[in-house]
Amino acid sequence: MSNHRSTLTILQVVGYQNSGKTSFVSELTERLSATGFRVGVIKHHGHGGALDLPMTDSHRHALAGAVLSSVISENGTFIEWKAVDTFELLVNWYEAHVDVLLIEGYKQKNYPKVVLVREGFEQPVNLTNVIAIGDSVKDRNRLMSSVEGWMAYELVSSE
């Protein structure tokens, strides 16, 4: 079942390295998918260096110079896109294919955000559209409830 609407609901999950972003996004993806939403995720690789990609035939094509390379199977499709300024293009592409887009990272983008901060660590500054802040472990239930409440409001207000 899909609750697909013409307007994409976008939520960012931000925080410093090791704040629990990936675990939080994974759990949120699982919860939303279980309720029938088609969920997409964009993860920011903000630490520099090469992407950790498997050595597949399609990756060999990319290494040989292909700008766009993909492999398709009965279980899904893997696409490798060798362009650096693709964020907005990806958001537009996701809009046609998912109901909810979760963005892990990209702190300075202007979408609604959940900010994850480990106890005793510094909180990111100069963020916009913050809907919830907390520790990804200690405050997980409260943060998930905040997101679910925000999503319920967003879904009603966008109809």
N, C-alpha and C. Protein backbone atom coordinates (compact mmCIF):
# COMPACT_ATOMS: atom_id res chain seq x y z
N MET A 1 0.84 -1.18 0.00
CA MET A 1 0.00 0.00 0.00
C MET A 1 0.89 1.24 0.00
N SER A 2 0.56 2.19 -0.80
CA SER A 2 1.32 3.44 -0.84
C SER A 2 0.41 4.60 -0.49
N ASN A 3 0.94 5.49 0.29
CA ASN A 3 0.23 6.72 0.64
C ASN A 3 0.79 7.86 -0.22
N HIS A 4 1.22 7.57 -1.44
CA HIS A 4 1.92 8.56 -2.25
C HIS A 4 1.05 9.77 -2.53
N ARG A 5 1.64 10.93 -2.31
CA ARG A 5 0.99 12.21 -2.56
C ARG A 5 1.84 12.97 -3.55
N SER A 6 1.32 14.06 -4.06
CA SER A 6 2.11 14.84 -5.01
C SER A 6 3.20 15.65 -4.31
N THR A 7 3.08 15.84 -3.00
CA THR A 7 4.09 16.59 -2.26
C THR A 7 4.93 15.63 -1.44
N LEU A 8 6.21 15.76 -1.58
CA LEU A 8 7.16 14.91 -0.87
C LEU A 8 7.39 15.45 0.54
N THR A 9 7.32 14.59 1.53
CA THR A 9 7.66 14.97 2.90
C THR A 9 9.14 14.71 3.10
N ILE A 10 9.88 15.75 3.48
CA ILE A 10 11.33 15.63 3.65
C ILE A 10 11.70 15.93 5.09
N LEU A 11 12.54 15.09 5.67
CA LEU A 11 13.04 15.28 7.02
C LEU A 11 14.54 14.99 7.04
N GLN A 12 15.29 15.89 7.63
CA GLN A 12 16.72 15.69 7.80
C GLN A 12 17.01 15.15 9.19
N VAL A 13 18.03 14.33 9.30
CA VAL A 13 18.56 13.89 10.58
C VAL A 13 20.02 14.30 10.57
N VAL A 14 20.37 15.22 11.49
CA VAL A 14 21.72 15.78 11.49
C VAL A 14 22.37 15.62 12.86
N GLY A 15 23.66 15.75 12.88
CA GLY A 15 24.45 15.66 14.10
C GLY A 15 25.88 15.39 13.71
N TYR A 16 26.76 15.54 14.68
CA TYR A 16 28.17 15.28 14.39
C TYR A 16 28.42 13.79 14.22
N GLN A 17 29.60 13.45 13.73
CA GLN A 17 29.99 12.06 13.51
C GLN A 17 29.78 11.25 14.79
N ASN A 18 29.27 10.04 14.63
CA ASN A 18 29.01 9.10 15.73
C ASN A 18 27.90 9.56 16.68
N SER A 19 27.00 10.40 16.20
CA SER A 19 25.88 10.84 17.05
C SER A 19 24.69 9.89 16.95
N GLY A 20 24.76 8.91 16.07
CA GLY A 20 23.68 7.94 15.94
C GLY A 20 22.75 8.19 14.76
N LYS A 21 23.17 9.00 13.81
CA LYS A 21 22.32 9.35 12.66
C LYS A 21 21.90 8.12 11.85
N THR A 22 22.85 7.29 11.50
CA THR A 22 22.54 6.14 10.65
C THR A 22 21.58 5.18 11.34
N SER A 23 21.80 4.90 12.61
CA SER A 23 20.90 4.02 13.36
C SER A 23 19.50 4.62 13.44
N PHE A 24 19.42 5.92 13.71
CA PHE A 24 18.13 6.60 13.82
C PHE A 24 17.39 6.56 12.48
N VAL A 25 18.10 6.89 11.40
CA VAL A 25 17.48 6.90 10.07
C VAL A 25 17.02 5.48 9.70
N SER A 26 17.82 4.49 10.03
CA SER A 26 17.44 3.10 9.72
C SER A 26 16.17 2.70 10.46
N GLU A 27 16.10 3.03 11.76
CA GLU A 27 14.90 2.69 12.53
C GLU A 27 13.68 3.46 12.02
N LEU A 28 13.87 4.73 11.72
CA LEU A 28 12.77 5.54 11.20
C LEU A 28 12.30 5.01 9.85
N THR A 29 13.23 4.61 9.01
CA THR A 29 12.88 4.02 7.72
C THR A 29 12.06 2.76 7.91
N GLU A 30 12.49 1.93 8.84
CA GLU A 30 11.77 0.69 9.14
C GLU A 30 10.35 0.98 9.61
N ARG A 31 10.21 1.93 10.54
CA ARG A 31 8.88 2.27 11.08
C ARG A 31 7.95 2.82 10.00
N LEU A 32 8.47 3.75 9.20
CA LEU A 32 7.64 4.36 8.17
C LEU A 32 7.27 3.35 7.08
N SER A 33 8.23 2.51 6.71
CA SER A 33 7.96 1.48 5.70
C SER A 33 6.90 0.50 6.18
N ALA A 34 6.94 0.18 7.46
CA ALA A 34 5.97 -0.76 8.04
C ALA A 34 4.55 -0.21 8.01
N THR A 35 4.41 1.13 7.94
CA THR A 35 3.07 1.72 7.88
C THR A 35 2.61 1.97 6.45
N GLY A 36 3.41 1.54 5.47
CA GLY A 36 3.00 1.65 4.08
C GLY A 36 3.63 2.76 3.28
N PHE A 37 4.49 3.55 3.89
CA PHE A 37 5.14 4.63 3.15
C PHE A 37 6.30 4.09 2.32
N ARG A 38 6.49 4.69 1.15
CA ARG A 38 7.69 4.41 0.35
C ARG A 38 8.71 5.44 0.81
N VAL A 39 9.81 4.96 1.38
CA VAL A 39 10.81 5.83 2.00
C VAL A 39 12.08 5.82 1.16
N GLY A 40 12.63 6.99 0.93
CA GLY A 40 13.93 7.13 0.28
C GLY A 40 14.89 7.78 1.25
N VAL A 41 16.17 7.52 1.07
CA VAL A 41 17.19 8.09 1.95
C VAL A 41 18.33 8.63 1.11
N ILE A 42 18.78 9.82 1.45
CA ILE A 42 20.02 10.39 0.90
C ILE A 42 20.97 10.56 2.07
N LYS A 43 22.15 9.99 1.97
CA LYS A 43 23.15 10.11 3.03
C LYS A 43 24.30 10.96 2.53
N HIS A 44 24.66 11.95 3.32
CA HIS A 44 25.79 12.81 2.99
C HIS A 44 27.08 12.15 3.44
N HIS A 45 28.02 12.01 2.52
CA HIS A 45 29.34 11.46 2.84
C HIS A 45 30.26 12.66 3.03
N GLY A 46 30.17 13.26 4.21
CA GLY A 46 30.85 14.52 4.45
C GLY A 46 32.25 14.41 5.02
N HIS A 47 32.79 13.20 5.08
CA HIS A 47 34.09 13.02 5.72
C HIS A 47 35.23 12.95 4.71
N GLY A 48 34.93 13.21 3.44
CA GLY A 48 35.97 13.17 2.42
C GLY A 48 36.36 11.75 2.07
N GLY A 49 37.22 11.63 1.10
CA GLY A 49 37.68 10.31 0.69
C GLY A 49 36.71 9.66 -0.27
N ALA A 50 37.13 8.50 -0.74
CA ALA A 50 36.33 7.76 -1.71
C ALA A 50 35.12 7.13 -1.05
N LEU A 51 34.08 6.93 -1.84
CA LEU A 51 32.92 6.21 -1.35
C LEU A 51 33.28 4.73 -1.23
N ASP A 52 32.72 4.09 -0.24
CA ASP A 52 32.98 2.67 -0.02
C ASP A 52 32.02 1.87 -0.88
N LEU A 53 32.44 1.57 -2.11
CA LEU A 53 31.58 0.86 -3.04
C LEU A 53 32.11 -0.55 -3.29
N PRO A 54 31.22 -1.49 -3.46
CA PRO A 54 31.67 -2.86 -3.73
C PRO A 54 32.30 -2.94 -5.11
N MET A 55 33.26 -3.82 -5.27
CA MET A 55 33.88 -4.01 -6.59
C MET A 55 32.96 -4.91 -7.41
N THR A 56 32.10 -4.29 -8.17
CA THR A 56 31.17 -5.01 -9.03
C THR A 56 31.49 -4.66 -10.47
N ASP A 57 30.89 -5.37 -11.39
CA ASP A 57 31.10 -5.05 -12.79
C ASP A 57 30.66 -3.62 -13.09
N SER A 58 29.51 -3.22 -12.50
CA SER A 58 29.03 -1.86 -12.78
C SER A 58 30.00 -0.82 -12.21
N HIS A 59 30.62 -1.11 -11.06
CA HIS A 59 31.60 -0.19 -10.50
C HIS A 59 32.85 -0.14 -11.39
N ARG A 60 33.20 -1.25 -11.98
CA ARG A 60 34.33 -1.26 -12.92
C ARG A 60 34.03 -0.35 -14.10
N HIS A 61 32.76 -0.31 -14.53
CA HIS A 61 32.39 0.59 -15.62
C HIS A 61 32.58 2.04 -15.19
N ALA A 62 32.19 2.34 -13.96
CA ALA A 62 32.37 3.70 -13.44
C ALA A 62 33.85 4.05 -13.36
N LEU A 63 34.66 3.11 -12.89
CA LEU A 63 36.11 3.36 -12.82
C LEU A 63 36.70 3.59 -14.21
N ALA A 64 36.08 2.99 -15.21
CA ALA A 64 36.55 3.16 -16.58
C ALA A 64 36.12 4.49 -17.18
N GLY A 65 35.27 5.23 -16.47
CA GLY A 65 34.89 6.56 -16.93
C GLY A 65 33.41 6.79 -17.13
N ALA A 66 32.57 5.77 -16.90
CA ALA A 66 31.13 5.98 -17.06
C ALA A 66 30.64 6.98 -16.03
N VAL A 67 29.90 7.97 -16.45
CA VAL A 67 29.34 8.97 -15.54
C VAL A 67 28.18 8.38 -14.76
N LEU A 68 27.42 7.50 -15.39
CA LEU A 68 26.27 6.85 -14.78
C LEU A 68 26.36 5.37 -15.12
N SER A 69 26.33 4.56 -14.08
CA SER A 69 26.46 3.12 -14.26
C SER A 69 25.45 2.43 -13.35
N SER A 70 24.84 1.35 -13.82
CA SER A 70 23.87 0.67 -12.98
C SER A 70 23.90 -0.83 -13.22
N VAL A 71 23.40 -1.53 -12.24
CA VAL A 71 23.20 -2.97 -12.37
C VAL A 71 21.79 -3.26 -11.88
N ILE A 72 21.07 -4.08 -12.65
CA ILE A 72 19.67 -4.36 -12.35
C ILE A 72 19.50 -5.87 -12.14
N SER A 73 18.80 -6.22 -11.09
CA SER A 73 18.49 -7.63 -10.84
C SER A 73 17.03 -7.74 -10.44
N GLU A 74 16.57 -8.95 -10.21
CA GLU A 74 15.19 -9.13 -9.77
C GLU A 74 14.97 -8.58 -8.36
N ASN A 75 16.05 -8.32 -7.62
CA ASN A 75 15.94 -7.80 -6.26
C ASN A 75 16.09 -6.29 -6.15
N GLY A 76 16.44 -5.64 -7.24
CA GLY A 76 16.59 -4.19 -7.18
C GLY A 76 17.61 -3.67 -8.16
N THR A 77 17.90 -2.39 -8.03
CA THR A 77 18.81 -1.70 -8.93
C THR A 77 19.82 -0.91 -8.12
N PHE A 78 21.08 -0.98 -8.51
CA PHE A 78 22.13 -0.17 -7.89
C PHE A 78 22.61 0.80 -8.95
N ILE A 79 22.61 2.11 -8.62
CA ILE A 79 23.03 3.14 -9.55
C ILE A 79 24.22 3.88 -8.96
N GLU A 80 25.26 4.03 -9.74
CA GLU A 80 26.42 4.82 -9.34
C GLU A 80 26.49 6.02 -10.28
N TRP A 81 26.46 7.20 -9.69
CA TRP A 81 26.40 8.44 -10.45
C TRP A 81 27.63 9.25 -10.10
N LYS A 82 28.52 9.43 -11.06
CA LYS A 82 29.78 10.12 -10.80
C LYS A 82 29.66 11.61 -11.15
N ALA A 83 28.86 12.29 -10.36
CA ALA A 83 28.71 13.74 -10.49
C ALA A 83 28.66 14.27 -9.06
N VAL A 84 29.23 15.43 -8.84
CA VAL A 84 29.32 15.92 -7.46
C VAL A 84 28.19 16.85 -7.06
N ASP A 85 27.54 17.52 -7.96
CA ASP A 85 26.51 18.48 -7.62
C ASP A 85 25.14 17.92 -7.97
N THR A 86 24.76 16.83 -7.29
CA THR A 86 23.54 16.14 -7.65
C THR A 86 22.44 16.23 -6.60
N PHE A 87 22.66 16.93 -5.50
CA PHE A 87 21.70 16.92 -4.40
C PHE A 87 20.29 17.30 -4.86
N GLU A 88 20.12 18.46 -5.47
CA GLU A 88 18.79 18.90 -5.89
C GLU A 88 18.21 17.98 -6.96
N LEU A 89 19.06 17.49 -7.87
CA LEU A 89 18.59 16.54 -8.88
C LEU A 89 18.06 15.28 -8.22
N LEU A 90 18.75 14.79 -7.19
CA LEU A 90 18.31 13.60 -6.48
C LEU A 90 16.99 13.84 -5.75
N VAL A 91 16.86 14.98 -5.10
CA VAL A 91 15.61 15.29 -4.40
C VAL A 91 14.46 15.27 -5.39
N ASN A 92 14.64 15.88 -6.56
CA ASN A 92 13.59 15.89 -7.58
C ASN A 92 13.28 14.47 -8.07
N TRP A 93 14.31 13.65 -8.24
CA TRP A 93 14.10 12.28 -8.69
C TRP A 93 13.36 11.47 -7.63
N TYR A 94 13.75 11.62 -6.37
CA TYR A 94 13.08 10.91 -5.27
C TYR A 94 11.61 11.30 -5.20
N GLU A 95 11.30 12.56 -5.45
CA GLU A 95 9.91 13.03 -5.33
C GLU A 95 8.96 12.22 -6.19
N ALA A 96 9.43 11.75 -7.32
CA ALA A 96 8.57 10.96 -8.21
C ALA A 96 8.43 9.51 -7.77
N HIS A 97 9.23 9.09 -6.78
CA HIS A 97 9.28 7.66 -6.46
C HIS A 97 9.02 7.29 -5.01
N VAL A 98 9.02 8.26 -4.11
CA VAL A 98 8.82 7.94 -2.69
C VAL A 98 7.83 8.92 -2.07
N ASP A 99 7.34 8.55 -0.89
CA ASP A 99 6.43 9.42 -0.14
C ASP A 99 7.19 10.29 0.86
N VAL A 100 8.23 9.69 1.44
CA VAL A 100 9.02 10.36 2.47
C VAL A 100 10.48 10.25 2.09
N LEU A 101 11.19 11.37 2.17
CA LEU A 101 12.63 11.38 1.93
C LEU A 101 13.33 11.75 3.22
N LEU A 102 14.19 10.86 3.70
CA LEU A 102 15.01 11.13 4.87
C LEU A 102 16.40 11.50 4.38
N ILE A 103 16.91 12.60 4.88
CA ILE A 103 18.24 13.06 4.49
C ILE A 103 19.13 12.96 5.72
N GLU A 104 20.16 12.15 5.62
CA GLU A 104 21.11 12.01 6.72
C GLU A 104 22.28 12.95 6.46
N GLY A 105 22.35 13.98 7.28
CA GLY A 105 23.42 14.96 7.11
C GLY A 105 22.95 16.20 6.38
N TYR A 106 23.89 16.87 5.71
CA TYR A 106 23.64 18.14 5.03
C TYR A 106 23.06 19.16 6.01
N LYS A 107 23.75 19.37 7.12
CA LYS A 107 23.26 20.23 8.21
C LYS A 107 22.73 21.58 7.75
N GLN A 108 23.34 22.18 6.74
CA GLN A 108 22.98 23.54 6.36
C GLN A 108 21.82 23.62 5.36
N LYS A 109 21.29 22.49 4.92
CA LYS A 109 20.09 22.54 4.07
C LYS A 109 18.93 23.02 4.93
N ASN A 110 17.90 23.52 4.29
CA ASN A 110 16.82 24.20 5.01
C ASN A 110 15.55 23.36 5.17
N TYR A 111 15.69 22.06 5.35
CA TYR A 111 14.53 21.19 5.56
C TYR A 111 14.30 20.99 7.05
N PRO A 112 13.11 20.54 7.45
CA PRO A 112 12.87 20.23 8.87
C PRO A 112 13.89 19.19 9.35
N LYS A 113 14.35 19.38 10.60
CA LYS A 113 15.46 18.57 11.10
C LYS A 113 15.22 17.98 12.47
N VAL A 114 15.78 16.78 12.65
CA VAL A 114 15.99 16.20 13.97
C VAL A 114 17.49 16.30 14.20
N VAL A 115 17.87 16.89 15.32
CA VAL A 115 19.28 17.07 15.65
C VAL A 115 19.66 16.05 16.73
N LEU A 116 20.65 15.23 16.41
CA LEU A 116 21.11 14.22 17.36
C LEU A 116 22.41 14.69 18.01
N VAL A 117 22.40 14.64 19.33
CA VAL A 117 23.57 15.08 20.10
C VAL A 117 23.82 14.05 21.19
N ARG A 118 25.01 13.50 21.23
CA ARG A 118 25.36 12.57 22.31
C ARG A 118 25.61 13.37 23.58
N GLU A 119 25.16 12.83 24.69
CA GLU A 119 25.33 13.50 25.98
C GLU A 119 26.81 13.82 26.20
N GLY A 120 27.07 15.07 26.58
CA GLY A 120 28.44 15.52 26.82
C GLY A 120 29.15 16.04 25.59
N PHE A 121 28.49 15.99 24.41
CA PHE A 121 29.10 16.49 23.19
C PHE A 121 28.41 17.77 22.76
N GLU A 122 29.08 18.52 21.93
CA GLU A 122 28.60 19.80 21.44
C GLU A 122 27.44 19.60 20.45
N GLN A 123 26.51 20.53 20.48
CA GLN A 123 25.39 20.53 19.54
C GLN A 123 25.77 21.37 18.32
N PRO A 124 25.43 20.91 17.10
CA PRO A 124 25.69 21.73 15.92
C PRO A 124 24.99 23.09 16.05
N VAL A 125 25.60 24.13 15.51
CA VAL A 125 25.06 25.49 15.62
C VAL A 125 24.57 25.99 14.27
N ASN A 126 23.81 27.07 14.32
CA ASN A 126 23.28 27.75 13.13
C ASN A 126 22.42 26.85 12.26
N LEU A 127 21.59 26.03 12.88
CA LEU A 127 20.70 25.15 12.14
C LEU A 127 19.32 25.79 12.02
N THR A 128 18.63 25.49 10.93
CA THR A 128 17.28 26.00 10.71
C THR A 128 16.28 24.86 10.79
N ASN A 129 15.02 25.19 11.02
CA ASN A 129 13.89 24.25 10.97
C ASN A 129 14.06 23.03 11.88
N VAL A 130 14.55 23.23 13.08
CA VAL A 130 14.74 22.13 14.02
C VAL A 130 13.39 21.77 14.65
N ILE A 131 12.99 20.49 14.54
CA ILE A 131 11.73 20.06 15.15
C ILE A 131 11.96 19.25 16.42
N ALA A 132 13.18 18.69 16.59
CA ALA A 132 13.48 17.91 17.80
C ALA A 132 14.98 17.81 17.97
N ILE A 133 15.41 17.80 19.23
CA ILE A 133 16.83 17.66 19.58
C ILE A 133 16.93 16.65 20.71
N GLY A 134 17.91 15.76 20.61
CA GLY A 134 18.11 14.83 21.71
C GLY A 134 19.21 13.84 21.43
N ASP A 135 19.46 13.02 22.43
CA ASP A 135 20.44 11.94 22.35
C ASP A 135 19.79 10.77 21.62
N SER A 136 20.46 10.24 20.61
CA SER A 136 19.85 9.19 19.78
C SER A 136 19.58 7.90 20.53
N VAL A 137 20.23 7.69 21.67
CA VAL A 137 19.99 6.49 22.46
C VAL A 137 19.05 6.80 23.62
N LYS A 138 19.46 7.72 24.46
CA LYS A 138 18.71 8.04 25.68
C LYS A 138 17.32 8.62 25.37
N ASP A 139 17.21 9.42 24.32
CA ASP A 139 15.96 10.11 23.99
C ASP A 139 15.24 9.49 22.79
N ARG A 140 15.62 8.30 22.37
CA ARG A 140 15.10 7.71 21.14
C ARG A 140 13.58 7.69 21.09
N ASN A 141 12.91 7.24 22.13
CA ASN A 141 11.45 7.16 22.10
C ASN A 141 10.81 8.53 21.95
N ARG A 142 11.33 9.52 22.69
CA ARG A 142 10.79 10.88 22.59
C ARG A 142 11.02 11.44 21.19
N LEU A 143 12.21 11.21 20.64
CA LEU A 143 12.52 11.71 19.30
C LEU A 143 11.62 11.06 18.25
N MET A 144 11.44 9.75 18.34
CA MET A 144 10.57 9.05 17.39
C MET A 144 9.13 9.56 17.50
N SER A 145 8.65 9.77 18.72
CA SER A 145 7.30 10.31 18.93
C SER A 145 7.18 11.71 18.33
N SER A 146 8.21 12.53 18.51
CA SER A 146 8.21 13.87 17.93
C SER A 146 8.12 13.82 16.41
N VAL A 147 8.89 12.92 15.81
CA VAL A 147 8.87 12.78 14.35
C VAL A 147 7.51 12.29 13.89
N GLU A 148 6.97 11.30 14.57
CA GLU A 148 5.66 10.76 14.18
C GLU A 148 4.57 11.82 14.30
N GLY A 149 4.61 12.64 15.36
CA GLY A 149 3.65 13.73 15.50
C GLY A 149 3.81 14.78 14.42
N TRP A 150 5.04 15.13 14.12
CA TRP A 150 5.33 16.10 13.06
C TRP A 150 4.84 15.57 11.71
N MET A 151 5.11 14.28 11.45
CA MET A 151 4.70 13.69 10.18
C MET A 151 3.18 13.67 10.06
N ALA A 152 2.48 13.33 11.13
CA ALA A 152 1.02 13.31 11.10
C ALA A 152 0.49 14.69 10.74
N TYR A 153 1.08 15.73 11.34
CA TYR A 153 0.68 17.10 11.04
C TYR A 153 0.99 17.44 9.58
N GLU A 154 2.19 17.09 9.12
CA GLU A 154 2.60 17.38 7.74
C GLU A 154 1.68 16.70 6.74
N LEU A 155 1.31 15.46 7.02
CA LEU A 155 0.47 14.72 6.07
C LEU A 155 -0.93 15.31 5.98
N VAL A 156 -1.47 15.75 7.12
CA VAL A 156 -2.80 16.37 7.12
C VAL A 156 -2.74 17.74 6.45
N SER A 157 -1.73 18.53 6.75
CA SER A 157 -1.66 19.90 6.24
C SER A 157 -1.30 19.95 4.76
N SER A 158 -0.76 18.86 4.20
CA SER A 158 -0.38 18.89 2.78
C SER A 158 -1.46 18.30 1.88
N GLU A 159 -2.54 17.81 2.44
CA GLU A 159 -3.61 17.24 1.61
C GLU A 159 -4.48 18.29 1.00
